[in-house]
């Protein structure tokens, strides 16, 4: 649950930068690009967490049943 709060915080911080300042469209585009970068960073974090959890689950199964960890056994 803490991870979800962190992700939402990052998204909120990124969306604050997309507000146009004094009607300057270049500032808006810069903020939008930052939003996209934040979204890519958050997606990479979530994928990393998912890979780590999958690896942790695989290692836990291998510890419980060593024969299952070897393919073809």
C-alpha atoms as a PDB file:
ATOM      1  CA  UNK A   1       0.000   0.000   0.000  1.00  0.00           C
ATOM      2  CA  UNK A   2       2.902   2.338   0.700  1.00  0.00           C
ATOM      3  CA  UNK A   3       4.162   1.800  -2.846  1.00  0.00           C
ATOM      4  CA  UNK A   4       0.818   2.919  -4.258  1.00  0.00           C
ATOM      5  CA  UNK A   5       0.943   6.102  -2.168  1.00  0.00           C
ATOM      6  CA  UNK A   6       4.479   6.783  -3.415  1.00  0.00           C
ATOM      7  CA  UNK A   7       3.429   6.276  -7.035  1.00  0.00           C
ATOM      8  CA  UNK A   8       0.456   8.600  -6.627  1.00  0.00           C
ATOM      9  CA  UNK A   9       2.696  11.219  -5.047  1.00  0.00           C
ATOM     10  CA  UNK A  10       5.080  11.034  -8.014  1.00  0.00           C
ATOM     11  CA  UNK A  11       2.212  11.400 -10.455  1.00  0.00           C
ATOM     12  CA  UNK A  12       0.865  14.415  -8.570  1.00  0.00           C
ATOM     13  CA  UNK A  13       4.285  16.048  -8.512  1.00  0.00           C
ATOM     14  CA  UNK A  14       4.609  15.465 -12.238  1.00  0.00           C
ATOM     15  CA  UNK A  15       1.188  16.903 -13.017  1.00  0.00           C
ATOM     16  CA  UNK A  16       1.996  20.131 -11.161  1.00  0.00           C
ATOM     17  CA  UNK A  17       4.743  20.868 -13.668  1.00  0.00           C
ATOM     18  CA  UNK A  18       2.346  20.742 -16.640  1.00  0.00           C
ATOM     19  CA  UNK A  19       0.508  23.963 -15.743  1.00  0.00           C
ATOM     20  CA  UNK A  20       1.181  26.732 -18.276  1.00  0.00           C
ATOM     21  CA  UNK A  21       2.904  29.790 -16.787  1.00  0.00           C
ATOM     22  CA  UNK A  22       1.837  33.177 -18.184  1.00  0.00           C
ATOM     23  CA  UNK A  23       0.313  31.438 -21.200  1.00  0.00           C
ATOM     24  CA  UNK A  24       3.675  30.308 -22.511  1.00  0.00           C
ATOM     25  CA  UNK A  25       3.102  27.146 -24.497  1.00  0.00           C
ATOM     26  CA  UNK A  26       6.798  26.202 -24.335  1.00  0.00           C
ATOM     27  CA  UNK A  27       6.526  25.939 -20.552  1.00  0.00           C
ATOM     28  CA  UNK A  28       3.441  23.758 -20.970  1.00  0.00           C
ATOM     29  CA  UNK A  29       5.225  21.453 -23.422  1.00  0.00           C
ATOM     30  CA  UNK A  30       8.199  21.220 -21.089  1.00  0.00           C
ATOM     31  CA  UNK A  31       5.880  20.257 -18.221  1.00  0.00           C
ATOM     32  CA  UNK A  32       4.108  17.690 -20.400  1.00  0.00           C
ATOM     33  CA  UNK A  33       7.431  16.097 -21.313  1.00  0.00           C
ATOM     34  CA  UNK A  34       8.291  15.923 -17.620  1.00  0.00           C
ATOM     35  CA  UNK A  35       4.935  14.240 -16.953  1.00  0.00           C
ATOM     36  CA  UNK A  36       5.713  11.609 -19.570  1.00  0.00           C
ATOM     37  CA  UNK A  37       9.150  11.043 -18.022  1.00  0.00           C
ATOM     38  CA  UNK A  38       7.616  10.642 -14.570  1.00  0.00           C
ATOM     39  CA  UNK A  39       5.122   8.128 -15.971  1.00  0.00           C
ATOM     40  CA  UNK A  40       7.949   6.150 -17.605  1.00  0.00           C
ATOM     41  CA  UNK A  41       9.952   6.226 -14.367  1.00  0.00           C
ATOM     42  CA  UNK A  42       6.967   5.039 -12.322  1.00  0.00           C
ATOM     43  CA  UNK A  43       6.262   2.263 -14.840  1.00  0.00           C
ATOM     44  CA  UNK A  44       9.902   1.147 -14.624  1.00  0.00           C
ATOM     45  CA  UNK A  45       9.716   1.110 -10.816  1.00  0.00           C
ATOM     46  CA  UNK A  46       6.520  -0.952 -10.863  1.00  0.00           C
ATOM     47  CA  UNK A  47       8.007  -3.413 -13.387  1.00  0.00           C
ATOM     48  CA  UNK A  48      11.131  -3.746 -11.255  1.00  0.00           C
ATOM     49  CA  UNK A  49       9.050  -4.489  -8.183  1.00  0.00           C
ATOM     50  CA  UNK A  50       7.020  -7.080 -10.102  1.00  0.00           C
ATOM     51  CA  UNK A  51      10.197  -8.788 -11.363  1.00  0.00           C
ATOM     52  CA  UNK A  52      11.691  -8.818  -7.864  1.00  0.00           C
ATOM     53  CA  UNK A  53       8.518 -10.322  -6.396  1.00  0.00           C
ATOM     54  CA  UNK A  54       8.390 -12.992  -9.114  1.00  0.00           C
ATOM     55  CA  UNK A  55      12.028 -13.883  -8.477  1.00  0.00           C
ATOM     56  CA  UNK A  56      11.398 -13.969  -4.737  1.00  0.00           C
ATOM     57  CA  UNK A  57       8.406 -16.290  -5.235  1.00  0.00           C
ATOM     58  CA  UNK A  58      10.465 -18.546  -7.519  1.00  0.00           C
ATOM     59  CA  UNK A  59      13.261 -18.754  -4.964  1.00  0.00           C
ATOM     60  CA  UNK A  60      10.786 -19.497  -2.156  1.00  0.00           C
ATOM     61  CA  UNK A  61       9.277 -22.357  -4.199  1.00  0.00           C
ATOM     62  CA  UNK A  62      12.764 -23.694  -4.946  1.00  0.00           C
ATOM     63  CA  UNK A  63      13.621 -23.627  -1.238  1.00  0.00           C
ATOM     64  CA  UNK A  64      10.473 -25.604  -0.394  1.00  0.00           C
ATOM     65  CA  UNK A  65      10.909 -28.145  -3.206  1.00  0.00           C
ATOM     66  CA  UNK A  66      14.501 -28.332  -4.534  1.00  0.00           C
ATOM     67  CA  UNK A  67      13.553 -30.868  -7.229  1.00  0.00           C
ATOM     68  CA  UNK A  68      11.065 -28.474  -8.819  1.00  0.00           C
ATOM     69  CA  UNK A  69      13.734 -25.842  -9.448  1.00  0.00           C
ATOM     70  CA  UNK A  70      15.641 -28.108 -11.878  1.00  0.00           C
ATOM     71  CA  UNK A  71      14.059 -28.309 -15.309  1.00  0.00           C
ATOM     72  CA  UNK A  72      13.637 -31.808 -16.659  1.00  0.00           C
ATOM     73  CA  UNK A  73      13.809 -33.503 -13.264  1.00  0.00           C
END
